[in-house]
Amino acid sequence: MSRPERWQLRGKAAEAYERSLVPTLLTPWAHDRIARAGVRRGESVLDVAWGTGIVARLAAEHVGVAGHVLEVDLNPAPSAVARAQTPICASARAEWREGDANA
């Protein structure tokens, strides 16, 4: 079995990713993923390898105050950018954790 690659965004790359890719490519994709998953009020959502957190921020809008969003990513640079973003739904419970989802 081959060793999995550990691709990481470092330095200012995570900020550039958030500024350039999230609005143009990843926000529409995230809306589609959330719609296909049928995320509803009060549900719990697990977002693995969340990058700068667009899926989690949009999922929080859907689950609302009664729901919960947990994000897990092993990369600290995008985690810092994600934590600095204003949540779309500030009243939703969201946790940002750094860690290996395989662990």
Protein backbone atom coordinates (compact mmCIF):
# COMPACT_ATOMS: atom_id res chain seq x y z
CA MET A 1 0.00 0.00 0.00
CA SER A 2 1.38 3.42 -0.89
CA ARG A 3 1.83 6.16 1.69
CA PRO A 4 -0.86 8.88 1.43
CA GLU A 5 0.33 12.28 0.29
CA ARG A 6 0.07 15.07 2.88
CA TRP A 7 -0.55 18.12 0.72
CA GLN A 8 -0.48 21.29 2.80
CA LEU A 9 -1.11 25.00 2.25
CA ARG A 10 1.64 27.02 3.90
CA GLY A 11 2.26 30.67 4.67
CA LYS A 12 0.09 33.09 2.71
CA ALA A 13 -1.21 30.35 0.38
CA ALA A 14 -4.25 29.71 2.60
CA GLU A 15 -5.18 33.39 2.50
CA ALA A 16 -4.83 33.45 -1.30
CA TYR A 17 -6.95 30.27 -1.50
CA GLU A 18 -9.71 31.94 0.55
CA ARG A 19 -9.52 35.18 -1.43
CA SER A 20 -9.28 33.67 -4.93
CA LEU A 21 -10.72 30.17 -5.05
CA VAL A 22 -13.45 30.25 -2.41
CA PRO A 23 -15.64 32.98 -3.96
CA THR A 24 -15.30 31.85 -7.57
CA LEU A 25 -15.14 28.05 -7.40
CA LEU A 26 -15.72 26.67 -3.96
CA THR A 27 -18.76 28.64 -2.76
CA PRO A 28 -20.98 27.39 -5.62
CA TRP A 29 -19.60 23.87 -5.12
CA ALA A 30 -20.25 24.08 -1.34
CA HIS A 31 -23.86 25.19 -1.90
CA ASP A 32 -24.34 22.19 -4.21
CA ARG A 33 -22.79 19.72 -1.72
CA ILE A 34 -24.97 21.00 1.12
CA ALA A 35 -28.11 20.83 -1.02
CA ARG A 36 -27.28 17.27 -2.16
CA ALA A 37 -26.68 16.19 1.44
CA GLY A 38 -30.04 17.66 2.45
CA VAL A 39 -28.61 19.47 5.49
CA ARG A 40 -31.49 20.72 7.68
CA ARG A 41 -32.11 22.67 10.88
CA GLY A 42 -30.99 20.95 14.04
CA GLU A 43 -28.69 18.45 12.35
CA SER A 44 -25.03 17.79 13.05
CA VAL A 45 -22.51 18.15 10.23
CA LEU A 46 -18.95 16.80 10.11
CA ASP A 47 -16.68 18.51 7.59
CA VAL A 48 -13.38 16.68 7.06
CA ALA A 49 -10.43 18.41 5.35
CA TRP A 50 -12.35 21.66 5.35
CA GLY A 51 -9.62 23.97 4.13
CA THR A 52 -10.65 27.53 4.94
CA GLY A 53 -14.13 26.45 6.03
CA ILE A 54 -16.61 27.50 3.33
CA VAL A 55 -18.64 24.28 3.58
CA ALA A 56 -18.81 24.58 7.35
CA ARG A 57 -19.81 28.25 7.23
CA LEU A 58 -22.62 27.53 4.79
CA ALA A 59 -23.69 24.39 6.67
CA ALA A 60 -23.99 26.47 9.84
CA GLU A 61 -26.60 28.60 8.08
CA HIS A 62 -28.66 25.47 7.40
CA VAL A 63 -28.38 23.80 10.81
CA GLY A 64 -28.98 27.00 12.78
CA VAL A 65 -28.77 27.40 16.52
CA ALA A 66 -30.19 23.92 17.20
CA GLY A 67 -27.55 22.25 15.03
CA HIS A 68 -23.83 21.68 15.30
CA VAL A 69 -20.97 21.83 12.79
CA LEU A 70 -17.64 20.14 13.50
CA GLU A 71 -14.69 20.72 11.19
CA VAL A 72 -11.52 18.61 11.28
CA ASP A 73 -8.39 19.33 9.24
CA LEU A 74 -4.74 18.48 9.85
CA ASN A 75 -3.42 21.63 8.21
CA PRO A 76 -2.89 24.61 10.58
CA ALA A 77 -2.60 27.41 7.96
CA PRO A 78 -6.14 27.08 6.52
CA SER A 79 -7.43 26.48 10.03
CA ALA A 80 -6.20 29.92 11.06
CA VAL A 81 -7.85 31.52 8.01
CA ALA A 82 -11.10 29.64 8.69
CA ARG A 83 -11.22 30.81 12.30
CA ALA A 84 -10.74 34.42 11.16
CA GLN A 85 -13.79 34.32 8.86
CA THR A 86 -17.11 35.64 10.03
CA PRO A 87 -19.59 32.76 10.21
CA ILE A 88 -22.59 33.12 7.92
CA CYS A 89 -24.79 32.07 10.82
CA ALA A 90 -23.16 33.36 13.98
CA SER A 91 -25.72 31.64 16.20
CA ALA A 92 -24.88 28.11 15.03
CA ARG A 93 -22.55 26.01 17.15
CA ALA A 94 -19.34 25.34 15.26
CA GLU A 95 -16.06 23.76 16.33
CA TRP A 96 -12.78 24.00 14.41
CA ARG A 97 -10.33 21.23 15.28
CA GLU A 98 -6.92 20.45 13.90
CA GLY A 99 -6.29 16.75 13.63
CA ASP A 100 -6.03 13.71 11.40
CA ALA A 101 -9.47 12.38 10.50
CA ASN A 102 -7.92 8.92 10.08
CA ALA A 103 -6.81 8.87 13.71
